[in-house]
Amino acid sequence: VYLDRDTLDLVEDGHGLTVTTVVVKPRSRGEVRLASADPSDMPLV
């Protein structure tokens, strides 16, 4: 049972099984942008 902050209140912690489904050829597209000119800043994703 793979628990994270989204599932803690929904799934009891115990013996179980998680199957993840993945779209293998997604059509959705996103972007990466600069947060600033400071190299220490993480990019905007």
All heavy atoms as atom14 arrays in JSON, in Angstrom:
{
  "sequence": "VYLDRDTLDLVEDGHGLTVTTVVVKPRSRGEVRLASADPSDMPLV",
  "atom14_mask": [
    [1, 1, 1, 1, 1, 1, 1, 0, 0, 0, 0, 0, 0, 0],
    [1, 1, 1, 1, 1, 1, 1, 1, 1, 1, 1, 1, 0, 0],
    [1, 1, 1, 1, 1, 1, 1, 1, 0, 0, 0, 0, 0, 0],
    [1, 1, 1, 1, 1, 1, 1, 1, 0, 0, 0, 0, 0, 0],
    [1, 1, 1, 1, 1, 1, 1, 1, 1, 1, 1, 0, 0, 0],
    [1, 1, 1, 1, 1, 1, 1, 1, 0, 0, 0, 0, 0, 0],
    [1, 1, 1, 1, 1, 1, 1, 0, 0, 0, 0, 0, 0, 0],
    [1, 1, 1, 1, 1, 1, 1, 1, 0, 0, 0, 0, 0, 0],
    [1, 1, 1, 1, 1, 1, 1, 1, 0, 0, 0, 0, 0, 0],
    [1, 1, 1, 1, 1, 1, 1, 1, 0, 0, 0, 0, 0, 0],
    [1, 1, 1, 1, 1, 1, 1, 0, 0, 0, 0, 0, 0, 0],
    [1, 1, 1, 1, 1, 1, 1, 1, 1, 0, 0, 0, 0, 0],
    [1, 1, 1, 1, 1, 1, 1, 1, 0, 0, 0, 0, 0, 0],
    [1, 1, 1, 1, 0, 0, 0, 0, 0, 0, 0, 0, 0, 0],
    [1, 1, 1, 1, 1, 1, 1, 1, 1, 1, 0, 0, 0, 0],
    [1, 1, 1, 1, 0, 0, 0, 0, 0, 0, 0, 0, 0, 0],
    [1, 1, 1, 1, 1, 1, 1, 1, 0, 0, 0, 0, 0, 0],
    [1, 1, 1, 1, 1, 1, 1, 0, 0, 0, 0, 0, 0, 0],
    [1, 1, 1, 1, 1, 1, 1, 0, 0, 0, 0, 0, 0, 0],
    [1, 1, 1, 1, 1, 1, 1, 0, 0, 0, 0, 0, 0, 0],
    [1, 1, 1, 1, 1, 1, 1, 0, 0, 0, 0, 0, 0, 0],
    [1, 1, 1, 1, 1, 1, 1, 0, 0, 0, 0, 0, 0, 0],
    [1, 1, 1, 1, 1, 1, 1, 0, 0, 0, 0, 0, 0, 0],
    [1, 1, 1, 1, 1, 1, 1, 0, 0, 0, 0, 0, 0, 0],
    [1, 1, 1, 1, 1, 1, 1, 1, 1, 0, 0, 0, 0, 0],
    [1, 1, 1, 1, 1, 1, 1, 0, 0, 0, 0, 0, 0, 0],
    [1, 1, 1, 1, 1, 1, 1, 1, 1, 1, 1, 0, 0, 0],
    [1, 1, 1, 1, 1, 1, 0, 0, 0, 0, 0, 0, 0, 0],
    [1, 1, 1, 1, 1, 1, 1, 1, 1, 1, 1, 0, 0, 0],
    [1, 1, 1, 1, 0, 0, 0, 0, 0, 0, 0, 0, 0, 0],
    [1, 1, 1, 1, 1, 1, 1, 1, 1, 0, 0, 0, 0, 0],
    [1, 1, 1, 1, 1, 1, 1, 0, 0, 0, 0, 0, 0, 0],
    [1, 1, 1, 1, 1, 1, 1, 1, 1, 1, 1, 0, 0, 0],
    [1, 1, 1, 1, 1, 1, 1, 1, 0, 0, 0, 0, 0, 0],
    [1, 1, 1, 1, 1, 0, 0, 0, 0, 0, 0, 0, 0, 0],
    [1, 1, 1, 1, 1, 1, 0, 0, 0, 0, 0, 0, 0, 0],
    [1, 1, 1, 1, 1, 0, 0, 0, 0, 0, 0, 0, 0, 0],
    [1, 1, 1, 1, 1, 1, 1, 1, 0, 0, 0, 0, 0, 0],
    [1, 1, 1, 1, 1, 1, 1, 0, 0, 0, 0, 0, 0, 0],
    [1, 1, 1, 1, 1, 1, 0, 0, 0, 0, 0, 0, 0, 0],
    [1, 1, 1, 1, 1, 1, 1, 1, 0, 0, 0, 0, 0, 0],
    [1, 1, 1, 1, 1, 1, 1, 1, 0, 0, 0, 0, 0, 0],
    [1, 1, 1, 1, 1, 1, 1, 0, 0, 0, 0, 0, 0, 0],
    [1, 1, 1, 1, 1, 1, 1, 1, 0, 0, 0, 0, 0, 0],
    [1, 1, 1, 1, 1, 1, 1, 0, 0, 0, 0, 0, 0, 0]
  ],
  "atom14_positions": [
    [[0.88, -1.16, 0.0], [0.0, 0.0, 0.0], [0.91, 1.2, 0.0], [1.6, 1.48, 0.98], [-0.92, 0.01, 1.24], [-1.67, 1.34, 1.32], [-1.89, -1.15, 1.19], [0.0, 0.0, 0.0], [0.0, 0.0, 0.0], [0.0, 0.0, 0.0], [0.0, 0.0, 0.0], [0.0, 0.0, 0.0], [0.0, 0.0, 0.0], [0.0, 0.0, 0.0]],
    [[0.97, 1.9, -1.14], [1.89, 3.02, -1.27], [1.21, 4.28, -0.77], [0.28, 4.8, -1.39], [2.33, 3.2, -2.72], [3.41, 4.24, -2.88], [4.72, 3.95, -2.53], [3.11, 5.51, -3.35], [5.72, 4.9, -2.66], [4.1, 6.47, -3.49], [5.4, 6.16, -3.13], [6.38, 7.11, -3.25], [0.0, 0.0, 0.0], [0.0, 0.0, 0.0]],
    [[1.63, 4.77, 0.4], [0.99, 5.91, 1.03], [1.8, 7.18, 0.81], [3.02, 7.18, 0.91], [0.84, 5.67, 2.54], [-0.05, 4.51, 2.97], [0.0, 4.35, 4.48], [-1.48, 4.74, 2.52], [0.0, 0.0, 0.0], [0.0, 0.0, 0.0], [0.0, 0.0, 0.0], [0.0, 0.0, 0.0], [0.0, 0.0, 0.0], [0.0, 0.0, 0.0]],
    [[1.1, 8.27, 0.49], [1.72, 9.58, 0.46], [0.71, 10.56, 1.05], [-0.32, 10.16, 1.6], [2.14, 9.99, -0.95], [0.99, 10.0, -1.94], [-0.18, 10.1, -1.5], [1.25, 9.92, -3.15], [0.0, 0.0, 0.0], [0.0, 0.0, 0.0], [0.0, 0.0, 0.0], [0.0, 0.0, 0.0], [0.0, 0.0, 0.0], [0.0, 0.0, 0.0]],
    [[1.0, 11.86, 0.97], [0.13, 12.83, 1.64], [-1.28, 12.83, 1.07], [-2.22, 13.25, 1.74], [0.77, 14.22, 1.58], [0.92, 14.79, 0.21], [1.61, 16.15, 0.31], [2.89, 16.13, -0.39], [3.85, 16.99, -0.17], [3.71, 17.9, 0.74], [4.98, 16.93, -0.85], [0.0, 0.0, 0.0], [0.0, 0.0, 0.0], [0.0, 0.0, 0.0]],
    [[-1.44, 12.36, -0.2], [-2.77, 12.34, -0.81], [-3.6, 11.13, -0.4], [-4.82, 11.14, -0.53], [-2.66, 12.37, -2.33], [-2.18, 13.72, -2.85], [-2.57, 14.74, -2.26], [-1.41, 13.74, -3.83], [0.0, 0.0, 0.0], [0.0, 0.0, 0.0], [0.0, 0.0, 0.0], [0.0, 0.0, 0.0], [0.0, 0.0, 0.0], [0.0, 0.0, 0.0]],
    [[-2.93, 10.08, 0.07], [-3.66, 8.84, 0.35], [-3.71, 8.48, 1.83], [-4.4, 7.53, 2.21], [-3.03, 7.66, -0.42], [-1.61, 7.62, -0.15], [-3.24, 7.81, -1.91], [0.0, 0.0, 0.0], [0.0, 0.0, 0.0], [0.0, 0.0, 0.0], [0.0, 0.0, 0.0], [0.0, 0.0, 0.0], [0.0, 0.0, 0.0], [0.0, 0.0, 0.0]],
    [[-3.02, 9.21, 2.68], [-2.95, 8.85, 4.09], [-4.32, 8.74, 4.74], [-4.55, 7.87, 5.59], [-2.1, 9.89, 4.86], [-0.58, 9.73, 4.77], [0.11, 10.93, 5.4], [-0.13, 8.44, 5.44], [0.0, 0.0, 0.0], [0.0, 0.0, 0.0], [0.0, 0.0, 0.0], [0.0, 0.0, 0.0], [0.0, 0.0, 0.0], [0.0, 0.0, 0.0]],
    [[-5.23, 9.62, 4.34], [-6.56, 9.62, 4.97], [-7.56, 8.72, 4.26], [-8.73, 8.64, 4.67], [-7.11, 11.04, 5.04], [-7.27, 11.67, 3.66], [-6.56, 11.23, 2.74], [-8.08, 12.61, 3.51], [0.0, 0.0, 0.0], [0.0, 0.0, 0.0], [0.0, 0.0, 0.0], [0.0, 0.0, 0.0], [0.0, 0.0, 0.0], [0.0, 0.0, 0.0]],
    [[-7.11, 8.03, 3.21], [-8.04, 7.22, 2.41], [-7.76, 5.73, 2.49], [-8.66, 4.92, 2.27], [-7.99, 7.66, 0.94], [-8.43, 9.09, 0.63], [-8.23, 9.38, -0.85], [-9.89, 9.3, 1.01], [0.0, 0.0, 0.0], [0.0, 0.0, 0.0], [0.0, 0.0, 0.0], [0.0, 0.0, 0.0], [0.0, 0.0, 0.0], [0.0, 0.0, 0.0]],
    [[-6.52, 5.36, 2.76], [-6.12, 3.95, 2.71], [-5.47, 3.56, 4.03], [-4.54, 4.22, 4.49], [-5.14, 3.69, 1.55], [-4.85, 2.2, 1.45], [-5.7, 4.21, 0.24], [0.0, 0.0, 0.0], [0.0, 0.0, 0.0], [0.0, 0.0, 0.0], [0.0, 0.0, 0.0], [0.0, 0.0, 0.0], [0.0, 0.0, 0.0], [0.0, 0.0, 0.0]],
    [[-5.96, 2.5, 4.59], [-5.38, 1.97, 5.83], [-3.98, 1.42, 5.56], [-3.74, 0.74, 4.57], [-6.28, 0.85, 6.36], [-5.75, 0.14, 7.59], [-6.63, -1.05, 7.96], [-7.8, -1.08, 7.55], [-6.13, -1.95, 8.66], [0.0, 0.0, 0.0], [0.0, 0.0, 0.0], [0.0, 0.0, 0.0], [0.0, 0.0, 0.0], [0.0, 0.0, 0.0]],
    [[-3.07, 1.74, 6.47], [-1.7, 1.24, 6.33], [-1.67, -0.23, 6.73], [-1.97, -0.58, 7.88], [-0.76, 2.06, 7.22], [0.7, 1.67, 7.02], [1.02, 1.08, 5.98], [1.51, 1.96, 7.92], [0.0, 0.0, 0.0], [0.0, 0.0, 0.0], [0.0, 0.0, 0.0], [0.0, 0.0, 0.0], [0.0, 0.0, 0.0], [0.0, 0.0, 0.0]],
    [[-1.35, -1.09, 5.77], [-1.33, -2.52, 6.07], [-0.92, -3.32, 4.85], [-0.4, -2.77, 3.88], [0.0, 0.0, 0.0], [0.0, 0.0, 0.0], [0.0, 0.0, 0.0], [0.0, 0.0, 0.0], [0.0, 0.0, 0.0], [0.0, 0.0, 0.0], [0.0, 0.0, 0.0], [0.0, 0.0, 0.0], [0.0, 0.0, 0.0], [0.0, 0.0, 0.0]],
    [[-1.14, -4.6, 4.88], [-0.83, -5.46, 3.74], [-1.72, -5.1, 2.57], [-2.93, -4.95, 2.71], [-1.03, -6.93, 4.11], [-0.12, -7.41, 5.2], [1.19, -7.77, 4.98], [-0.34, -7.57, 6.53], [1.74, -8.14, 6.12], [0.84, -8.04, 7.08], [0.0, 0.0, 0.0], [0.0, 0.0, 0.0], [0.0, 0.0, 0.0], [0.0, 0.0, 0.0]],
    [[-1.12, -4.96, 1.4], [-1.92, -4.59, 0.25], [-1.12, -4.56, -1.03], [0.04, -5.0, -1.09], [0.0, 0.0, 0.0], [0.0, 0.0, 0.0], [0.0, 0.0, 0.0], [0.0, 0.0, 0.0], [0.0, 0.0, 0.0], [0.0, 0.0, 0.0], [0.0, 0.0, 0.0], [0.0, 0.0, 0.0], [0.0, 0.0, 0.0], [0.0, 0.0, 0.0]],
    [[-1.75, -4.0, -2.05], [-1.18, -4.0, -3.39], [-1.54, -2.68, -4.08], [-2.68, -2.21, -3.99], [-1.75, -5.17, -4.2], [-1.36, -5.27, -5.68], [0.12, -5.62, -5.82], [-2.22, -6.3, -6.39], [0.0, 0.0, 0.0], [0.0, 0.0, 0.0], [0.0, 0.0, 0.0], [0.0, 0.0, 0.0], [0.0, 0.0, 0.0], [0.0, 0.0, 0.0]],
    [[-0.56, -2.1, -4.77], [-0.81, -0.92, -5.6], [-0.43, -1.24, -7.04], [0.66, -1.76, -7.29], [0.01, 0.28, -5.1], [-0.37, 0.59, -3.76], [-0.24, 1.5, -5.98], [0.0, 0.0, 0.0], [0.0, 0.0, 0.0], [0.0, 0.0, 0.0], [0.0, 0.0, 0.0], [0.0, 0.0, 0.0], [0.0, 0.0, 0.0], [0.0, 0.0, 0.0]],
    [[-1.32, -0.97, -7.94], [-1.04, -1.07, -9.37], [-1.17, 0.33, -9.95], [-2.22, 0.96, -9.82], [-2.0, -2.05, -10.09], [-1.82, -1.98, -11.61], [-1.77, -3.47, -9.59], [0.0, 0.0, 0.0], [0.0, 0.0, 0.0], [0.0, 0.0, 0.0], [0.0, 0.0, 0.0], [0.0, 0.0, 0.0], [0.0, 0.0, 0.0], [0.0, 0.0, 0.0]],
    [[-0.1, 0.82, -10.56], [-0.16, 2.13, -11.19], [-0.37, 1.96, -12.69], [0.26, 1.1, -13.32], [1.12, 2.94, -10.94], [2.25, 2.25, -11.47], [1.33, 3.18, -9.46], [0.0, 0.0, 0.0], [0.0, 0.0, 0.0], [0.0, 0.0, 0.0], [0.0, 0.0, 0.0], [0.0, 0.0, 0.0], [0.0, 0.0, 0.0], [0.0, 0.0, 0.0]],
    [[-1.26, 2.77, -13.23], [-1.5, 2.76, -14.67], [-0.87, 4.02, -15.28], [-1.0, 5.11, -14.72], [-3.0, 2.69, -15.0], [-3.66, 3.84, -14.46], [-3.61, 1.44, -14.41], [0.0, 0.0, 0.0], [0.0, 0.0, 0.0], [0.0, 0.0, 0.0], [0.0, 0.0, 0.0], [0.0, 0.0, 0.0], [0.0, 0.0, 0.0], [0.0, 0.0, 0.0]],
    [[-0.22, 3.86, -16.42], [0.58, 4.91, -17.03], [0.21, 5.04, -18.5], [0.17, 4.04, -19.22], [2.08, 4.59, -16.9], [2.92, 5.67, -17.57], [2.49, 4.41, -15.44], [0.0, 0.0, 0.0], [0.0, 0.0, 0.0], [0.0, 0.0, 0.0], [0.0, 0.0, 0.0], [0.0, 0.0, 0.0], [0.0, 0.0, 0.0], [0.0, 0.0, 0.0]],
    [[-0.08, 6.25, -18.95], [-0.31, 6.51, -20.38], [1.06, 6.58, -21.06], [1.88, 7.44, -20.74], [-1.08, 7.82, -20.6], [-1.22, 8.12, -22.09], [-2.46, 7.73, -19.95], [0.0, 0.0, 0.0], [0.0, 0.0, 0.0], [0.0, 0.0, 0.0], [0.0, 0.0, 0.0], [0.0, 0.0, 0.0], [0.0, 0.0, 0.0], [0.0, 0.0, 0.0]],
    [[1.32, 5.67, -22.0], [2.68, 5.53, -22.53], [3.03, 6.51, -23.64], [4.21, 6.8, -23.86], [2.96, 4.09, -23.01], [2.94, 3.12, -21.84], [2.01, 3.66, -24.11], [0.0, 0.0, 0.0], [0.0, 0.0, 0.0], [0.0, 0.0, 0.0], [0.0, 0.0, 0.0], [0.0, 0.0, 0.0], [0.0, 0.0, 0.0], [0.0, 0.0, 0.0]],
    [[2.04, 7.01, -24.37], [2.31, 7.99, -25.43], [1.42, 9.21, -25.23], [0.5, 9.48, -26.0], [2.08, 7.37, -26.81], [2.98, 6.2, -27.16], [4.45, 6.59, -27.28], [4.74, 7.3, -28.58], [6.22, 7.53, -28.73], [0.0, 0.0, 0.0], [0.0, 0.0, 0.0], [0.0, 0.0, 0.0], [0.0, 0.0, 0.0], [0.0, 0.0, 0.0]],
    [[1.68, 9.97, -24.15], [0.81, 11.09, -23.83], [0.88, 12.2, -24.88], [1.92, 12.45, -25.49], [1.36, 11.6, -22.48], [2.79, 11.15, -22.47], [2.8, 9.84, -23.2], [0.0, 0.0, 0.0], [0.0, 0.0, 0.0], [0.0, 0.0, 0.0], [0.0, 0.0, 0.0], [0.0, 0.0, 0.0], [0.0, 0.0, 0.0], [0.0, 0.0, 0.0]],
    [[-0.26, 12.85, -25.07], [-0.35, 13.98, -26.0], [-0.19, 15.32, -25.28], [0.03, 16.34, -25.91], [-1.68, 13.94, -26.75], [-1.84, 12.69, -27.62], [-3.3, 12.5, -28.03], [-3.49, 11.3, -28.85], [-3.61, 10.06, -28.37], [-3.52, 9.86, -27.07], [-3.8, 9.04, -29.17], [0.0, 0.0, 0.0], [0.0, 0.0, 0.0], [0.0, 0.0, 0.0]],
    [[-0.33, 15.3, -23.97], [-0.19, 16.53, -23.18], [1.24, 17.03, -23.23], [2.19, 16.25, -23.27], [-0.57, 16.26, -21.72], [-1.89, 15.77, -21.61], [0.0, 0.0, 0.0], [0.0, 0.0, 0.0], [0.0, 0.0, 0.0], [0.0, 0.0, 0.0], [0.0, 0.0, 0.0], [0.0, 0.0, 0.0], [0.0, 0.0, 0.0], [0.0, 0.0, 0.0]],
    [[1.37, 18.35, -23.24], [2.68, 18.98, -23.23], [2.72, 20.07, -22.17], [1.73, 20.75, -21.91], [3.01, 19.59, -24.6], [3.12, 18.58, -25.74], [4.32, 17.66, -25.54], [4.51, 16.73, -26.65], [4.0, 15.5, -26.72], [3.22, 15.06, -25.73], [4.24, 14.73, -27.75], [0.0, 0.0, 0.0], [0.0, 0.0, 0.0], [0.0, 0.0, 0.0]],
    [[3.9, 20.24, -21.58], [4.09, 21.27, -20.57], [5.27, 22.14, -20.93], [5.72, 22.18, -22.09], [0.0, 0.0, 0.0], [0.0, 0.0, 0.0], [0.0, 0.0, 0.0], [0.0, 0.0, 0.0], [0.0, 0.0, 0.0], [0.0, 0.0, 0.0], [0.0, 0.0, 0.0], [0.0, 0.0, 0.0], [0.0, 0.0, 0.0], [0.0, 0.0, 0.0]],
    [[5.82, 22.83, -19.93], [6.94, 23.72, -20.19], [7.81, 23.91, -18.96], [7.37, 23.66, -17.83], [6.44, 25.09, -20.68], [5.65, 25.87, -19.65], [5.29, 27.26, -20.13], [5.66, 27.63, -21.27], [4.63, 28.0, -19.37], [0.0, 0.0, 0.0], [0.0, 0.0, 0.0], [0.0, 0.0, 0.0], [0.0, 0.0, 0.0], [0.0, 0.0, 0.0]],
    [[9.04, 24.35, -19.22], [9.98, 24.75, -18.18], [10.37, 26.19, -18.45], [10.76, 26.52, -19.58], [11.24, 23.86, -18.19], [12.23, 24.32, -17.11], [10.89, 22.39, -17.99], [0.0, 0.0, 0.0], [0.0, 0.0, 0.0], [0.0, 0.0, 0.0], [0.0, 0.0, 0.0], [0.0, 0.0, 0.0], [0.0, 0.0, 0.0], [0.0, 0.0, 0.0]],
    [[10.25, 27.04, -17.43], [10.61, 28.44, -17.57], [11.59, 28.84, -16.48], [11.69, 28.16, -15.44], [9.36, 29.33, -17.48], [8.33, 29.08, -18.58], [7.11, 29.97, -18.41], [7.43, 31.38, -18.54], [7.46, 32.04, -19.7], [7.19, 31.4, -20.83], [7.74, 33.32, -19.73], [0.0, 0.0, 0.0], [0.0, 0.0, 0.0], [0.0, 0.0, 0.0]],
    [[12.3, 29.93, -16.7], [13.18, 30.45, -15.67], [12.36, 31.14, -14.58], [11.41, 31.87, -14.88], [14.15, 31.47, -16.26], [15.33, 30.95, -17.08], [16.16, 32.13, -17.58], [16.2, 30.0, -16.28], [0.0, 0.0, 0.0], [0.0, 0.0, 0.0], [0.0, 0.0, 0.0], [0.0, 0.0, 0.0], [0.0, 0.0, 0.0], [0.0, 0.0, 0.0]],
    [[12.74, 30.92, -13.33], [12.14, 31.67, -12.24], [12.79, 33.04, -12.12], [12.14, 34.03, -11.77], [12.29, 30.91, -10.93], [0.0, 0.0, 0.0], [0.0, 0.0, 0.0], [0.0, 0.0, 0.0], [0.0, 0.0, 0.0], [0.0, 0.0, 0.0], [0.0, 0.0, 0.0], [0.0, 0.0, 0.0], [0.0, 0.0, 0.0], [0.0, 0.0, 0.0]],
    [[14.08, 33.1, -12.42], [14.84, 34.34, -12.36], [16.17, 34.11, -13.05], [16.45, 33.01, -13.55], [15.06, 34.77, -10.9], [16.05, 33.96, -10.29], [0.0, 0.0, 0.0], [0.0, 0.0, 0.0], [0.0, 0.0, 0.0], [0.0, 0.0, 0.0], [0.0, 0.0, 0.0], [0.0, 0.0, 0.0], [0.0, 0.0, 0.0], [0.0, 0.0, 0.0]],
    [[17.03, 35.12, -13.02], [18.38, 34.98, -13.57], [19.36, 34.43, -12.55], [20.54, 34.27, -12.85], [18.87, 36.34, -14.09], [0.0, 0.0, 0.0], [0.0, 0.0, 0.0], [0.0, 0.0, 0.0], [0.0, 0.0, 0.0], [0.0, 0.0, 0.0], [0.0, 0.0, 0.0], [0.0, 0.0, 0.0], [0.0, 0.0, 0.0], [0.0, 0.0, 0.0]],
    [[18.88, 34.1, -11.37], [19.72, 33.55, -10.31], [19.87, 32.04, -10.53], [18.88, 31.3, -10.45], [19.08, 33.82, -8.95], [19.96, 33.38, -7.78], [20.93, 32.64, -8.02], [19.65, 33.75, -6.64], [0.0, 0.0, 0.0], [0.0, 0.0, 0.0], [0.0, 0.0, 0.0], [0.0, 0.0, 0.0], [0.0, 0.0, 0.0], [0.0, 0.0, 0.0]],
    [[21.09, 31.55, -10.78], [21.27, 30.11, -11.05], [20.85, 29.21, -9.9], [20.6, 28.03, -10.11], [22.78, 30.0, -11.32], [23.21, 31.36, -11.73], [22.35, 32.3, -10.94], [0.0, 0.0, 0.0], [0.0, 0.0, 0.0], [0.0, 0.0, 0.0], [0.0, 0.0, 0.0], [0.0, 0.0, 0.0], [0.0, 0.0, 0.0], [0.0, 0.0, 0.0]],
    [[20.76, 29.76, -8.69], [20.39, 28.92, -7.54], [18.89, 28.69, -7.46], [18.43, 27.82, -6.71], [20.88, 29.55, -6.24], [20.25, 30.79, -5.99], [0.0, 0.0, 0.0], [0.0, 0.0, 0.0], [0.0, 0.0, 0.0], [0.0, 0.0, 0.0], [0.0, 0.0, 0.0], [0.0, 0.0, 0.0], [0.0, 0.0, 0.0], [0.0, 0.0, 0.0]],
    [[18.1, 29.44, -8.21], [16.64, 29.26, -8.2], [16.24, 28.05, -9.05], [16.75, 27.86, -10.16], [15.93, 30.49, -8.73], [15.92, 31.64, -7.73], [16.19, 31.38, -6.54], [15.66, 32.79, -8.15], [0.0, 0.0, 0.0], [0.0, 0.0, 0.0], [0.0, 0.0, 0.0], [0.0, 0.0, 0.0], [0.0, 0.0, 0.0], [0.0, 0.0, 0.0]],
    [[15.32, 27.27, -8.52], [14.78, 26.15, -9.29], [13.96, 26.69, -10.46], [13.35, 27.76, -10.35], [13.9, 25.27, -8.4], [14.61, 24.66, -7.22], [15.54, 23.18, -7.65], [14.24, 21.94, -7.51], [0.0, 0.0, 0.0], [0.0, 0.0, 0.0], [0.0, 0.0, 0.0], [0.0, 0.0, 0.0], [0.0, 0.0, 0.0], [0.0, 0.0, 0.0]],
    [[13.9, 25.97, -11.57], [13.06, 26.42, -12.68], [11.58, 26.28, -12.36], [11.2, 25.54, -11.44], [13.46, 25.48, -13.83], [13.93, 24.25, -13.13], [14.59, 24.71, -11.87], [0.0, 0.0, 0.0], [0.0, 0.0, 0.0], [0.0, 0.0, 0.0], [0.0, 0.0, 0.0], [0.0, 0.0, 0.0], [0.0, 0.0, 0.0], [0.0, 0.0, 0.0]],
    [[10.75, 26.99, -13.1], [9.3, 26.86, -12.97], [8.85, 25.75, -13.9], [9.04, 25.83, -15.12], [8.62, 28.18, -13.34], [9.04, 29.41, -12.52], [8.33, 30.65, -13.06], [8.72, 29.21, -11.04], [0.0, 0.0, 0.0], [0.0, 0.0, 0.0], [0.0, 0.0, 0.0], [0.0, 0.0, 0.0], [0.0, 0.0, 0.0], [0.0, 0.0, 0.0]],
    [[8.24, 24.71, -13.34], [7.89, 23.53, -14.12], [6.38, 23.35, -14.13], [5.72, 23.33, -13.09], [8.55, 22.27, -13.54], [8.16, 21.04, -14.35], [10.07, 22.42, -13.49], [0.0, 0.0, 0.0], [0.0, 0.0, 0.0], [0.0, 0.0, 0.0], [0.0, 0.0, 0.0], [0.0, 0.0, 0.0], [0.0, 0.0, 0.0], [0.0, 0.0, 0.0]]
  ]
}
